Amino acid sequence: MTSYVSRGERISTTIRVAVTTVLDNRLATIVDLTEQGAQLRGVSLEKGTRFQIDYGGQTVFAVSRWCEVDRTGCEFPFGLPDGPLLDQLQRHRAALAARRVLRSAASPVRPIARPEADYAARH
């Protein structure tokens, strides 16, 4: 039986990281991030490739789940541990929440139409 883990909301980011495989070391950018995985731009790793992401002195282990020409989606098999990447995720998530609050507060509230005003306007 296959079990599925609910994925958290993807948070858009632009975090430059080093990606290391057994054969290669490259720079990439995390363009979206959750506690369970990330999407990397600037690197294409075949599905199933095990690699590590290095950022701010932290190493996070990952497995490629899909790839395209210049992008790779990966899963963190051990989750995203405490450290600089989790801190970045939390900062981006807080900024997104603040923007949503500001956006909802700035949206105008439309008054409820009064039926008698509509009737008077038509006659």
PDB file of N, CA and C in Angstrom:
ATOM      1  N   MET A   1       0.839  -1.178   0.000  1.00  0.00           N
ATOM      2  CA  MET A   1       0.000   0.000   0.000  1.00  0.00           C
ATOM      3  C   MET A   1       0.884   1.241   0.000  1.00  0.00           C
ATOM      4  N   THR A   2       0.593   2.194  -0.871  1.00  0.00           N
ATOM      5  CA  THR A   2       1.362   3.421  -0.963  1.00  0.00           C
ATOM      6  C   THR A   2       0.797   4.445  -0.005  1.00  0.00           C
ATOM      7  N   SER A   3       1.676   5.094   0.751  1.00  0.00           N
ATOM      8  CA  SER A   3       1.223   6.163   1.641  1.00  0.00           C
ATOM      9  C   SER A   3       1.707   7.492   1.072  1.00  0.00           C
ATOM     10  N   TYR A   4       0.902   8.509   1.235  1.00  0.00           N
ATOM     11  CA  TYR A   4       1.231   9.828   0.735  1.00  0.00           C
ATOM     12  C   TYR A   4       1.316  10.804   1.891  1.00  0.00           C
ATOM     13  N   VAL A   5       2.313  11.676   1.843  1.00  0.00           N
ATOM     14  CA  VAL A   5       2.476  12.703   2.854  1.00  0.00           C
ATOM     15  C   VAL A   5       1.953  14.003   2.273  1.00  0.00           C
ATOM     16  N   SER A   6       1.136  14.688   3.043  1.00  0.00           N
ATOM     17  CA  SER A   6       0.613  15.969   2.600  1.00  0.00           C
ATOM     18  C   SER A   6       1.756  16.971   2.480  1.00  0.00           C
ATOM     19  N   ARG A   7       1.817  17.656   1.360  1.00  0.00           N
ATOM     20  CA  ARG A   7       2.875  18.637   1.139  1.00  0.00           C
ATOM     21  C   ARG A   7       2.381  19.998   1.606  1.00  0.00           C
ATOM     22  N   GLY A   8       3.241  20.730   2.267  1.00  0.00           N
ATOM     23  CA  GLY A   8       2.906  22.084   2.687  1.00  0.00           C
ATOM     24  C   GLY A   8       2.826  23.009   1.490  1.00  0.00           C
ATOM     25  N   GLU A   9       2.350  24.206   1.731  1.00  0.00           N
ATOM     26  CA  GLU A   9       2.234  25.197   0.668  1.00  0.00           C
ATOM     27  C   GLU A   9       3.618  25.550   0.126  1.00  0.00           C
ATOM     28  N   ARG A  10       3.745  25.542  -1.183  1.00  0.00           N
ATOM     29  CA  ARG A  10       5.010  25.923  -1.808  1.00  0.00           C
ATOM     30  C   ARG A  10       5.208  27.420  -1.638  1.00  0.00           C
ATOM     31  N   ILE A  11       6.383  27.788  -1.200  1.00  0.00           N
ATOM     32  CA  ILE A  11       6.708  29.189  -0.978  1.00  0.00           C
ATOM     33  C   ILE A  11       7.761  29.597  -2.006  1.00  0.00           C
ATOM     34  N   SER A  12       7.441  30.623  -2.804  1.00  0.00           N
ATOM     35  CA  SER A  12       8.379  31.114  -3.822  1.00  0.00           C
ATOM     36  C   SER A  12       9.574  31.766  -3.158  1.00  0.00           C
ATOM     37  N   THR A  13      10.753  31.420  -3.640  1.00  0.00           N
ATOM     38  CA  THR A  13      11.998  31.947  -3.090  1.00  0.00           C
ATOM     39  C   THR A  13      13.001  32.172  -4.217  1.00  0.00           C
ATOM     40  N   THR A  14      14.102  32.779  -3.896  1.00  0.00           N
ATOM     41  CA  THR A  14      15.270  32.842  -4.786  1.00  0.00           C
ATOM     42  C   THR A  14      16.498  32.690  -3.903  1.00  0.00           C
ATOM     43  N   ILE A  15      16.807  31.449  -3.558  1.00  0.00           N
ATOM     44  CA  ILE A  15      17.912  31.148  -2.659  1.00  0.00           C
ATOM     45  C   ILE A  15      19.003  30.432  -3.452  1.00  0.00           C
ATOM     46  N   ARG A  16      20.179  31.041  -3.534  1.00  0.00           N
ATOM     47  CA  ARG A  16      21.309  30.425  -4.246  1.00  0.00           C
ATOM     48  C   ARG A  16      21.937  29.365  -3.348  1.00  0.00           C
ATOM     49  N   VAL A  17      22.113  28.163  -3.908  1.00  0.00           N
ATOM     50  CA  VAL A  17      22.656  27.037  -3.143  1.00  0.00           C
ATOM     51  C   VAL A  17      23.686  26.287  -3.985  1.00  0.00           C
ATOM     52  N   ALA A  18      24.469  25.464  -3.309  1.00  0.00           N
ATOM     53  CA  ALA A  18      25.378  24.536  -3.990  1.00  0.00           C
ATOM     54  C   ALA A  18      24.717  23.164  -3.979  1.00  0.00           C
ATOM     55  N   VAL A  19      24.746  22.487  -5.117  1.00  0.00           N
ATOM     56  CA  VAL A  19      24.168  21.151  -5.250  1.00  0.00           C
ATOM     57  C   VAL A  19      25.317  20.191  -5.550  1.00  0.00           C
ATOM     58  N   THR A  20      25.434  19.149  -4.728  1.00  0.00           N
ATOM     59  CA  THR A  20      26.538  18.207  -4.878  1.00  0.00           C
ATOM     60  C   THR A  20      26.004  16.802  -5.082  1.00  0.00           C
ATOM     61  N   THR A  21      26.442  16.168  -6.180  1.00  0.00           N
ATOM     62  CA  THR A  21      26.146  14.759  -6.425  1.00  0.00           C
ATOM     63  C   THR A  21      27.452  13.995  -6.275  1.00  0.00           C
ATOM     64  N   VAL A  22      27.401  12.708  -6.509  1.00  0.00           N
ATOM     65  CA  VAL A  22      28.617  11.899  -6.430  1.00  0.00           C
ATOM     66  C   VAL A  22      29.644  12.374  -7.461  1.00  0.00           C
ATOM     67  N   LEU A  23      29.168  12.836  -8.625  1.00  0.00           N
ATOM     68  CA  LEU A  23      30.075  13.177  -9.716  1.00  0.00           C
ATOM     69  C   LEU A  23      30.246  14.667  -9.978  1.00  0.00           C
ATOM     70  N   ASP A  24      29.423  15.527  -9.368  1.00  0.00           N
ATOM     71  CA  ASP A  24      29.404  16.917  -9.795  1.00  0.00           C
ATOM     72  C   ASP A  24      29.069  17.849  -8.635  1.00  0.00           C
ATOM     73  N   ASN A  25      29.470  19.102  -8.790  1.00  0.00           N
ATOM     74  CA  ASN A  25      29.136  20.149  -7.844  1.00  0.00           C
ATOM     75  C   ASN A  25      28.733  21.370  -8.664  1.00  0.00           C
ATOM     76  N   ARG A  26      27.501  21.885  -8.472  1.00  0.00           N
ATOM     77  CA  ARG A  26      27.008  23.001  -9.267  1.00  0.00           C
ATOM     78  C   ARG A  26      26.274  23.995  -8.391  1.00  0.00           C
ATOM     79  N   LEU A  27      26.109  25.198  -8.918  1.00  0.00           N
ATOM     80  CA  LEU A  27      25.287  26.201  -8.259  1.00  0.00           C
ATOM     81  C   LEU A  27      23.889  26.142  -8.844  1.00  0.00           C
ATOM     82  N   ALA A  28      22.890  26.368  -8.007  1.00  0.00           N
ATOM     83  CA  ALA A  28      21.495  26.368  -8.446  1.00  0.00           C
ATOM     84  C   ALA A  28      20.737  27.376  -7.590  1.00  0.00           C
ATOM     85  N   THR A  29      19.481  27.588  -7.941  1.00  0.00           N
ATOM     86  CA  THR A  29      18.613  28.489  -7.185  1.00  0.00           C
ATOM     87  C   THR A  29      17.365  27.734  -6.773  1.00  0.00           C
ATOM     88  N   ILE A  30      17.033  27.791  -5.484  1.00  0.00           N
ATOM     89  CA  ILE A  30      15.760  27.223  -5.024  1.00  0.00           C
ATOM     90  C   ILE A  30      14.687  28.244  -5.359  1.00  0.00           C
ATOM     91  N   VAL A  31      13.716  27.845  -6.193  1.00  0.00           N
ATOM     92  CA  VAL A  31      12.656  28.766  -6.607  1.00  0.00           C
ATOM     93  C   VAL A  31      11.346  28.523  -5.873  1.00  0.00           C
ATOM     94  N   ASP A  32      11.171  27.357  -5.286  1.00  0.00           N
ATOM     95  CA  ASP A  32      10.091  27.166  -4.321  1.00  0.00           C
ATOM     96  C   ASP A  32      10.503  26.107  -3.318  1.00  0.00           C
ATOM     97  N   LEU A  33       9.954  26.243  -2.108  1.00  0.00           N
ATOM     98  CA  LEU A  33      10.463  25.463  -0.990  1.00  0.00           C
ATOM     99  C   LEU A  33       9.332  25.107  -0.034  1.00  0.00           C
ATOM    100  N   THR A  34       9.367  23.891   0.482  1.00  0.00           N
ATOM    101  CA  THR A  34       8.511  23.456   1.585  1.00  0.00           C
ATOM    102  C   THR A  34       9.387  22.669   2.546  1.00  0.00           C
ATOM    103  N   GLU A  35       8.799  22.215   3.649  1.00  0.00           N
ATOM    104  CA  GLU A  35       9.543  21.377   4.577  1.00  0.00           C
ATOM    105  C   GLU A  35       9.829  20.007   3.991  1.00  0.00           C
ATOM    106  N   GLN A  36       9.102  19.618   2.942  1.00  0.00           N
ATOM    107  CA  GLN A  36       9.261  18.294   2.346  1.00  0.00           C
ATOM    108  C   GLN A  36      10.119  18.273   1.087  1.00  0.00           C
ATOM    109  N   GLY A  37      10.333  19.430   0.443  1.00  0.00           N
ATOM    110  CA  GLY A  37      11.099  19.423  -0.794  1.00  0.00           C
ATOM    111  C   GLY A  37      11.260  20.799  -1.393  1.00  0.00           C
ATOM    112  N   ALA A  38      11.809  20.824  -2.606  1.00  0.00           N
ATOM    113  CA  ALA A  38      12.097  22.093  -3.267  1.00  0.00           C
ATOM    114  C   ALA A  38      12.104  21.918  -4.774  1.00  0.00           C
ATOM    115  N   GLN A  39      12.023  23.038  -5.473  1.00  0.00           N
ATOM    116  CA  GLN A  39      12.251  23.062  -6.911  1.00  0.00           C
ATOM    117  C   GLN A  39      13.517  23.874  -7.142  1.00  0.00           C
ATOM    118  N   LEU A  40      14.453  23.282  -7.863  1.00  0.00           N
ATOM    119  CA  LEU A  40      15.735  23.924  -8.142  1.00  0.00           C
ATOM    120  C   LEU A  40      15.797  24.341  -9.602  1.00  0.00           C
ATOM    121  N   ARG A  41      16.271  25.537  -9.855  1.00  0.00           N
ATOM    122  CA  ARG A  41      16.487  26.010 -11.223  1.00  0.00           C
ATOM    123  C   ARG A  41      17.988  26.121 -11.435  1.00  0.00           C
ATOM    124  N   GLY A  42      18.424  25.714 -12.615  1.00  0.00           N
ATOM    125  CA  GLY A  42      19.844  25.789 -12.947  1.00  0.00           C
ATOM    126  C   GLY A  42      20.547  24.451 -12.881  1.00  0.00           C
ATOM    127  N   VAL A  43      19.794  23.406 -12.599  1.00  0.00           N
ATOM    128  CA  VAL A  43      20.373  22.073 -12.532  1.00  0.00           C
ATOM    129  C   VAL A  43      19.295  21.071 -12.947  1.00  0.00           C
ATOM    130  N   SER A  44      19.698  20.043 -13.669  1.00  0.00           N
ATOM    131  CA  SER A  44      18.782  18.990 -14.094  1.00  0.00           C
ATOM    132  C   SER A  44      19.362  17.655 -13.658  1.00  0.00           C
ATOM    133  N   LEU A  45      18.719  17.058 -12.661  1.00  0.00           N
ATOM    134  CA  LEU A  45      19.203  15.785 -12.122  1.00  0.00           C
ATOM    135  C   LEU A  45      18.179  14.696 -12.404  1.00  0.00           C
ATOM    136  N   GLU A  46      18.638  13.613 -12.976  1.00  0.00           N
ATOM    137  CA  GLU A  46      17.765  12.498 -13.341  1.00  0.00           C
ATOM    138  C   GLU A  46      16.952  12.018 -12.136  1.00  0.00           C
ATOM    139  N   LYS A  47      15.707  11.619 -12.392  1.00  0.00           N
ATOM    140  CA  LYS A  47      14.831  11.125 -11.334  1.00  0.00           C
ATOM    141  C   LYS A  47      15.529  10.019 -10.550  1.00  0.00           C
ATOM    142  N   GLY A  48      15.469  10.116  -9.227  1.00  0.00           N
ATOM    143  CA  GLY A  48      16.093   9.127  -8.358  1.00  0.00           C
ATOM    144  C   GLY A  48      17.502   9.482  -7.912  1.00  0.00           C
ATOM    145  N   THR A  49      18.092  10.520  -8.507  1.00  0.00           N
ATOM    146  CA  THR A  49      19.441  10.931  -8.120  1.00  0.00           C
ATOM    147  C   THR A  49      19.448  11.441  -6.684  1.00  0.00           C
ATOM    148  N   ARG A  50      20.374  10.917  -5.902  1.00  0.00           N
ATOM    149  CA  ARG A  50      20.550  11.386  -4.524  1.00  0.00           C
ATOM    150  C   ARG A  50      21.632  12.469  -4.536  1.00  0.00           C
ATOM    151  N   PHE A  51      21.363  13.551  -3.824  1.00  0.00           N
ATOM    152  CA  PHE A  51      22.326  14.651  -3.794  1.00  0.00           C
ATOM    153  C   PHE A  51      22.173  15.433  -2.502  1.00  0.00           C
ATOM    154  N   GLN A  52      23.046  16.404  -2.336  1.00  0.00           N
ATOM    155  CA  GLN A  52      22.936  17.249  -1.159  1.00  0.00           C
ATOM    156  C   GLN A  52      22.884  18.707  -1.581  1.00  0.00           C
ATOM    157  N   ILE A  53      22.182  19.492  -0.784  1.00  0.00           N
ATOM    158  CA  ILE A  53      22.079  20.930  -0.987  1.00  0.00           C
ATOM    159  C   ILE A  53      22.831  21.588   0.160  1.00  0.00           C
ATOM    160  N   ASP A  54      23.777  22.452  -0.183  1.00  0.00           N
ATOM    161  CA  ASP A  54      24.558  23.163   0.829  1.00  0.00           C
ATOM    162  C   ASP A  54      24.186  24.640   0.802  1.00  0.00           C
ATOM    163  N   TYR A  55      23.859  25.165   1.990  1.00  0.00           N
ATOM    164  CA  TYR A  55      23.492  26.575   2.111  1.00  0.00           C
ATOM    165  C   TYR A  55      23.817  27.062   3.519  1.00  0.00           C
ATOM    166  N   GLY A  56      24.571  28.122   3.611  1.00  0.00           N
ATOM    167  CA  GLY A  56      24.861  28.745   4.898  1.00  0.00           C
ATOM    168  C   GLY A  56      25.471  27.813   5.927  1.00  0.00           C
ATOM    169  N   GLY A  57      26.313  26.876   5.483  1.00  0.00           N
ATOM    170  CA  GLY A  57      26.938  25.946   6.401  1.00  0.00           C
ATOM    171  C   GLY A  57      26.077  24.735   6.739  1.00  0.00           C
ATOM    172  N   GLN A  58      24.903  24.650   6.145  1.00  0.00           N
ATOM    173  CA  GLN A  58      23.994  23.527   6.385  1.00  0.00           C
ATOM    174  C   GLN A  58      23.981  22.612   5.168  1.00  0.00           C
ATOM    175  N   THR A  59      23.884  21.313   5.418  1.00  0.00           N
ATOM    176  CA  THR A  59      23.743  20.331   4.349  1.00  0.00           C
ATOM    177  C   THR A  59      22.401  19.634   4.512  1.00  0.00           C
ATOM    178  N   VAL A  60      21.619  19.628   3.424  1.00  0.00           N
ATOM    179  CA  VAL A  60      20.312  18.962   3.419  1.00  0.00           C
ATOM    180  C   VAL A  60      20.361  17.892   2.339  1.00  0.00           C
ATOM    181  N   PHE A  61      19.990  16.670   2.693  1.00  0.00           N
ATOM    182  CA  PHE A  61      19.989  15.568   1.738  1.00  0.00           C
ATOM    183  C   PHE A  61      18.683  15.564   0.959  1.00  0.00           C
ATOM    184  N   ALA A  62      18.773  15.235  -0.344  1.00  0.00           N
ATOM    185  CA  ALA A  62      17.607  15.292  -1.219  1.00  0.00           C
ATOM    186  C   ALA A  62      17.658  14.177  -2.257  1.00  0.00           C
ATOM    187  N   VAL A  63      16.473  13.897  -2.834  1.00  0.00           N
ATOM    188  CA  VAL A  63      16.335  12.920  -3.912  1.00  0.00           C
ATOM    189  C   VAL A  63      15.522  13.573  -5.017  1.00  0.00           C
ATOM    190  N   SER A  64      16.028  13.510  -6.243  1.00  0.00           N
ATOM    191  CA  SER A  64      15.312  14.077  -7.386  1.00  0.00           C
ATOM    192  C   SER A  64      14.052  13.266  -7.655  1.00  0.00           C
ATOM    193  N   ARG A  65      12.918  13.952  -7.801  1.00  0.00           N
ATOM    194  CA  ARG A  65      11.644  13.296  -8.108  1.00  0.00           C
ATOM    195  C   ARG A  65      11.211  13.535  -9.547  1.00  0.00           C
ATOM    196  N   TRP A  66      11.675  14.614 -10.165  1.00  0.00           N
ATOM    197  CA  TRP A  66      11.406  14.892 -11.572  1.00  0.00           C
ATOM    198  C   TRP A  66      12.457  15.878 -12.075  1.00  0.00           C
ATOM    199  N   CYS A  67      12.610  15.932 -13.396  1.00  0.00           N
ATOM    200  CA  CYS A  67      13.536  16.906 -13.958  1.00  0.00           C
ATOM    201  C   CYS A  67      13.059  17.355 -15.326  1.00  0.00           C
ATOM    202  N   GLU A  68      13.436  18.562 -15.666  1.00  0.00           N
ATOM    203  CA  GLU A  68      13.233  19.139 -16.991  1.00  0.00           C
ATOM    204  C   GLU A  68      14.578  19.706 -17.424  1.00  0.00           C
ATOM    205  N   VAL A  69      14.594  20.433 -18.517  1.00  0.00           N
ATOM    206  CA  VAL A  69      15.850  20.898 -19.090  1.00  0.00           C
ATOM    207  C   VAL A  69      16.720  21.647 -18.079  1.00  0.00           C
ATOM    208  N   ASP A  70      16.135  22.565 -17.321  1.00  0.00           N
ATOM    209  CA  ASP A  70      16.919  23.389 -16.413  1.00  0.00           C
ATOM    210  C   ASP A  70      16.327  23.417 -15.001  1.00  0.00           C
ATOM    211  N   ARG A  71      15.495  22.421 -14.676  1.00  0.00           N
ATOM    212  CA  ARG A  71      14.847  22.410 -13.363  1.00  0.00           C
ATOM    213  C   ARG A  71      14.776  20.994 -12.812  1.00  0.00           C
ATOM    214  N   THR A  72      14.776  20.907 -11.498  1.00  0.00           N
ATOM    215  CA  THR A  72      14.643  19.625 -10.813  1.00  0.00           C
ATOM    216  C   THR A  72      13.737  19.811  -9.606  1.00  0.00           C
ATOM    217  N   GLY A  73      12.809  18.891  -9.439  1.00  0.00           N
ATOM    218  CA  GLY A  73      11.994  18.861  -8.230  1.00  0.00           C
ATOM    219  C   GLY A  73      12.556  17.793  -7.319  1.00  0.00           C
ATOM    220  N   CYS A  74      12.724  18.128  -6.040  1.00  0.00           N
ATOM    221  CA  CYS A  74      13.326  17.161  -5.140  1.00  0.00           C
ATOM    222  C   CYS A  74      12.533  17.030  -3.842  1.00  0.00           C
ATOM    223  N   GLU A  75      12.758  15.908  -3.199  1.00  0.00           N
ATOM    224  CA  GLU A  75      12.161  15.612  -1.900  1.00  0.00           C
ATOM    225  C   GLU A  75      13.288  15.539  -0.878  1.00  0.00           C
ATOM    226  N   PHE A  76      13.003  16.018   0.329  1.00  0.00           N
ATOM    227  CA  PHE A  76      13.947  15.858   1.431  1.00  0.00           C
ATOM    228  C   PHE A  76      13.522  14.616   2.203  1.00  0.00           C
ATOM    229  N   PRO A  77      14.226  13.499   2.064  1.00  0.00           N
ATOM    230  CA  PRO A  77      13.776  12.256   2.699  1.00  0.00           C
ATOM    231  C   PRO A  77      13.722  12.337   4.228  1.00  0.00           C
ATOM    232  N   PHE A  78      14.488  13.251   4.814  1.00  0.00           N
ATOM    233  CA  PHE A  78      14.495  13.402   6.268  1.00  0.00           C
ATOM    234  C   PHE A  78      13.821  14.708   6.685  1.00  0.00           C
ATOM    235  N   GLY A  79      13.113  15.352   5.752  1.00  0.00           N
ATOM    236  CA  GLY A  79      12.498  16.646   6.046  1.00  0.00           C
ATOM    237  C   GLY A  79      13.544  17.748   6.041  1.00  0.00           C
ATOM    238  N   LEU A  80      13.083  18.963   6.231  1.00  0.00           N
ATOM    239  CA  LEU A  80      13.978  20.116   6.260  1.00  0.00           C
ATOM    240  C   LEU A  80      14.339  20.394   7.718  1.00  0.00           C
ATOM    241  N   PRO A  81      15.590  20.118   8.105  1.00  0.00           N
ATOM    242  CA  PRO A  81      15.967  20.288   9.516  1.00  0.00           C
ATOM    243  C   PRO A  81      16.121  21.766   9.885  1.00  0.00           C
ATOM    244  N   ASP A  82      16.157  22.029  11.191  1.00  0.00           N
ATOM    245  CA  ASP A  82      16.431  23.387  11.658  1.00  0.00           C
ATOM    246  C   ASP A  82      17.744  23.856  11.062  1.00  0.00           C
ATOM    247  N   GLY A  83      17.778  25.120  10.685  1.00  0.00           N
ATOM    248  CA  GLY A  83      18.993  25.677  10.116  1.00  0.00           C
ATOM    249  C   GLY A  83      18.659  26.818   9.179  1.00  0.00           C
ATOM    250  N   PRO A  84      19.640  27.291   8.429  1.00  0.00           N
ATOM    251  CA  PRO A  84      19.460  28.456   7.561  1.00  0.00           C
ATOM    252  C   PRO A  84      18.360  28.311   6.502  1.00  0.00           C
ATOM    253  N   LEU A  85      18.210  27.126   5.902  1.00  0.00           N
ATOM    254  CA  LEU A  85      17.160  26.967   4.889  1.00  0.00           C
ATOM    255  C   LEU A  85      15.768  27.043   5.507  1.00  0.00           C
ATOM    256  N   LEU A  86      15.572  26.412   6.647  1.00  0.00           N
ATOM    257  CA  LEU A  86      14.286  26.498   7.333  1.00  0.00           C
ATOM    258  C   LEU A  86      14.014  27.938   7.767  1.00  0.00           C
ATOM    259  N   ASP A  87      15.044  28.641   8.220  1.00  0.00           N
ATOM    260  CA  ASP A  87      14.890  30.056   8.580  1.00  0.00           C
ATOM    261  C   ASP A  87      14.427  30.875   7.380  1.00  0.00           C
ATOM    262  N   GLN A  88      15.030  30.628   6.216  1.00  0.00           N
ATOM    263  CA  GLN A  88      14.627  31.339   4.992  1.00  0.00           C
ATOM    264  C   GLN A  88      13.167  31.019   4.641  1.00  0.00           C
ATOM    265  N   LEU A  89      12.803  29.744   4.742  1.00  0.00           N
ATOM    266  CA  LEU A  89      11.419  29.350   4.458  1.00  0.00           C
ATOM    267  C   LEU A  89      10.461  30.089   5.377  1.00  0.00           C
ATOM    268  N   GLN A  90      10.763  30.143   6.654  1.00  0.00           N
ATOM    269  CA  GLN A  90       9.887  30.812   7.611  1.00  0.00           C
ATOM    270  C   GLN A  90       9.813  32.310   7.344  1.00  0.00           C
ATOM    271  N   ARG A  91      10.922  32.941   6.955  1.00  0.00           N
ATOM    272  CA  ARG A  91      10.905  34.373   6.610  1.00  0.00           C
ATOM    273  C   ARG A  91      10.030  34.633   5.388  1.00  0.00           C
ATOM    274  N   HIS A  92      10.209  33.809   4.352  1.00  0.00           N
ATOM    275  CA  HIS A  92       9.404  33.988   3.139  1.00  0.00           C
ATOM    276  C   HIS A  92       7.918  33.734   3.433  1.00  0.00           C
ATOM    277  N   ARG A  93       7.628  32.740   4.252  1.00  0.00           N
ATOM    278  CA  ARG A  93       6.239  32.430   4.608  1.00  0.00           C
ATOM    279  C   ARG A  93       5.607  33.591   5.384  1.00  0.00           C
ATOM    280  N   ALA A  94       6.358  34.189   6.314  1.00  0.00           N
ATOM    281  CA  ALA A  94       5.852  35.322   7.090  1.00  0.00           C
ATOM    282  C   ALA A  94       5.616  36.535   6.188  1.00  0.00           C
ATOM    283  N   ALA A  95       6.527  36.777   5.245  1.00  0.00           N
ATOM    284  CA  ALA A  95       6.358  37.898   4.317  1.00  0.00           C
ATOM    285  C   ALA A  95       5.134  37.689   3.438  1.00  0.00           C
ATOM    286  N   LEU A  96       4.914  36.463   2.992  1.00  0.00           N
ATOM    287  CA  LEU A  96       3.738  36.151   2.181  1.00  0.00           C
ATOM    288  C   LEU A  96       2.463  36.380   2.975  1.00  0.00           C
ATOM    289  N   ALA A  97       2.441  35.940   4.226  1.00  0.00           N
ATOM    290  CA  ALA A  97       1.264  36.134   5.081  1.00  0.00           C
ATOM    291  C   ALA A  97       0.994  37.620   5.295  1.00  0.00           C
ATOM    292  N   ALA A  98       2.046  38.413   5.488  1.00  0.00           N
ATOM    293  CA  ALA A  98       1.882  39.858   5.672  1.00  0.00           C
ATOM    294  C   ALA A  98       1.316  40.506   4.412  1.00  0.00           C
ATOM    295  N   ARG A  99       1.810  40.089   3.235  1.00  0.00           N
ATOM    296  CA  ARG A  99       1.285  40.638   1.976  1.00  0.00           C
ATOM    297  C   ARG A  99      -0.190  40.297   1.813  1.00  0.00           C
ATOM    298  N   ARG A 100      -0.579  39.077   2.194  1.00  0.00           N
ATOM    299  CA  ARG A 100      -1.980  38.678   2.083  1.00  0.00           C
ATOM    300  C   ARG A 100      -2.863  39.514   2.999  1.00  0.00           C
ATOM    301  N   VAL A 101      -2.387  39.786   4.207  1.00  0.00           N
ATOM    302  CA  VAL A 101      -3.151  40.607   5.145  1.00  0.00           C
ATOM    303  C   VAL A 101      -3.302  42.013   4.592  1.00  0.00           C
ATOM    304  N   LEU A 102      -2.204  42.592   4.096  1.00  0.00           N
ATOM    305  CA  LEU A 102      -2.270  43.937   3.527  1.00  0.00           C
ATOM    306  C   LEU A 102      -3.195  43.987   2.314  1.00  0.00           C
ATOM    307  N   ARG A 103      -3.123  42.966   1.473  1.00  0.00           N
ATOM    308  CA  ARG A 103      -3.967  42.922   0.287  1.00  0.00           C
ATOM    309  C   ARG A 103      -5.439  42.851   0.673  1.00  0.00           C
ATOM    310  N   SER A 104      -5.770  42.033   1.664  1.00  0.00           N
ATOM    311  CA  SER A 104      -7.171  41.898   2.060  1.00  0.00           C
ATOM    312  C   SER A 104      -7.658  43.162   2.761  1.00  0.00           C
ATOM    313  N   ALA A 105      -6.777  43.842   3.492  1.00  0.00           N
ATOM    314  CA  ALA A 105      -7.170  45.079   4.163  1.00  0.00           C
ATOM    315  C   ALA A 105      -7.345  46.210   3.162  1.00  0.00           C
ATOM    316  N   ALA A 106      -6.615  46.162   2.066  1.00  0.00           N
ATOM    317  CA  ALA A 106      -6.680  47.224   1.062  1.00  0.00           C
ATOM    318  C   ALA A 106      -7.836  47.044   0.082  1.00  0.00           C
ATOM    319  N   SER A 107      -8.418  45.855   0.023  1.00  0.00           N
ATOM    320  CA  SER A 107      -9.491  45.651  -0.951  1.00  0.00           C
ATOM    321  C   SER A 107     -10.741  46.387  -0.494  1.00  0.00           C
ATOM    322  N   PRO A 108     -11.343  47.165  -1.382  1.00  0.00           N
ATOM    323  CA  PRO A 108     -12.513  47.958  -1.001  1.00  0.00           C
ATOM    324  C   PRO A 108     -13.714  47.059  -0.710  1.00  0.00           C
ATOM    325  N   VAL A 109     -14.483  47.494   0.247  1.00  0.00           N
ATOM    326  CA  VAL A 109     -15.711  46.781   0.586  1.00  0.00           C
ATOM    327  C   VAL A 109     -16.841  47.450  -0.175  1.00  0.00           C
ATOM    328  N   ARG A 110     -17.557  46.670  -0.943  1.00  0.00           N
ATOM    329  CA  ARG A 110     -18.655  47.226  -1.736  1.00  0.00           C
ATOM    330  C   ARG A 110     -19.893  47.320  -0.867  1.00  0.00           C
ATOM    331  N   PRO A 111     -20.568  48.449  -0.891  1.00  0.00           N
ATOM    332  CA  PRO A 111     -21.782  48.581  -0.084  1.00  0.00           C
ATOM    333  C   PRO A 111     -22.886  47.671  -0.616  1.00  0.00           C
ATOM    334  N   ILE A 112     -23.731  47.267   0.275  1.00  0.00           N
ATOM    335  CA  ILE A 112     -24.876  46.439  -0.116  1.00  0.00           C
ATOM    336  C   ILE A 112     -25.892  47.340  -0.810  1.00  0.00           C
ATOM    337  N   ALA A 113     -26.335  46.908  -1.974  1.00  0.00           N
ATOM    338  CA  ALA A 113     -27.300  47.702  -2.736  1.00  0.00           C
ATOM    339  C   ALA A 113     -28.643  47.708  -2.007  1.00  0.00           C
ATOM    340  N   ARG A 114     -29.221  48.884  -1.960  1.00  0.00           N
ATOM    341  CA  ARG A 114     -30.541  49.007  -1.338  1.00  0.00           C
ATOM    342  C   ARG A 114     -31.595  48.837  -2.419  1.00  0.00           C
ATOM    343  N   PRO A 115     -32.548  47.952  -2.235  1.00  0.00           N
ATOM    344  CA  PRO A 115     -33.575  47.714  -3.253  1.00  0.00           C
ATOM    345  C   PRO A 115     -34.385  48.957  -3.583  1.00  0.00           C
ATOM    346  N   GLU A 116     -34.664  49.815  -2.587  1.00  0.00           N
ATOM    347  CA  GLU A 116     -35.475  51.012  -2.876  1.00  0.00           C
ATOM    348  C   GLU A 116     -34.723  51.980  -3.773  1.00  0.00           C
ATOM    349  N   ALA A 117     -33.378  52.039  -3.672  1.00  0.00           N
ATOM    350  CA  ALA A 117     -32.599  52.924  -4.530  1.00  0.00           C
ATOM    351  C   ALA A 117     -32.652  52.414  -5.965  1.00  0.00           C
ATOM    352  N   ASP A 118     -32.568  51.083  -6.153  1.00  0.00           N
ATOM    353  CA  ASP A 118     -32.657  50.512  -7.486  1.00  0.00           C
ATOM    354  C   ASP A 118     -34.028  50.792  -8.095  1.00  0.00           C
ATOM    355  N   TYR A 119     -35.074  50.668  -7.301  1.00  0.00           N
ATOM    356  CA  TYR A 119     -36.442  50.894  -7.776  1.00  0.00           C
ATOM    357  C   TYR A 119     -36.613  52.342  -8.194  1.00  0.00           C
ATOM    358  N   ALA A 120     -36.089  53.276  -7.384  1.00  0.00           N
ATOM    359  CA  ALA A 120     -36.213  54.704  -7.695  1.00  0.00           C
ATOM    360  C   ALA A 120     -35.434  55.035  -8.956  1.00  0.00           C
ATOM    361  N   ALA A 121     -34.305  54.433  -9.151  1.00  0.00           N
ATOM    362  CA  ALA A 121     -33.492  54.724 -10.330  1.00  0.00           C
ATOM    363  C   ALA A 121     -34.146  54.236 -11.604  1.00  0.00           C
ATOM    364  N   ARG A 122     -34.934  53.162 -11.517  1.00  0.00           N
ATOM    365  CA  ARG A 122     -35.578  52.608 -12.714  1.00  0.00           C
ATOM    366  C   ARG A 122     -36.888  53.303 -13.042  1.00  0.00           C
ATOM    367  N   HIS A 123     -37.489  54.017 -12.107  1.00  0.00           N
ATOM    368  CA  HIS A 123     -38.793  54.646 -12.361  1.00  0.00           C
ATOM    369  C   HIS A 123     -38.746  56.119 -12.250  1.00  0.00           C
TER     370      HIS A 123
END
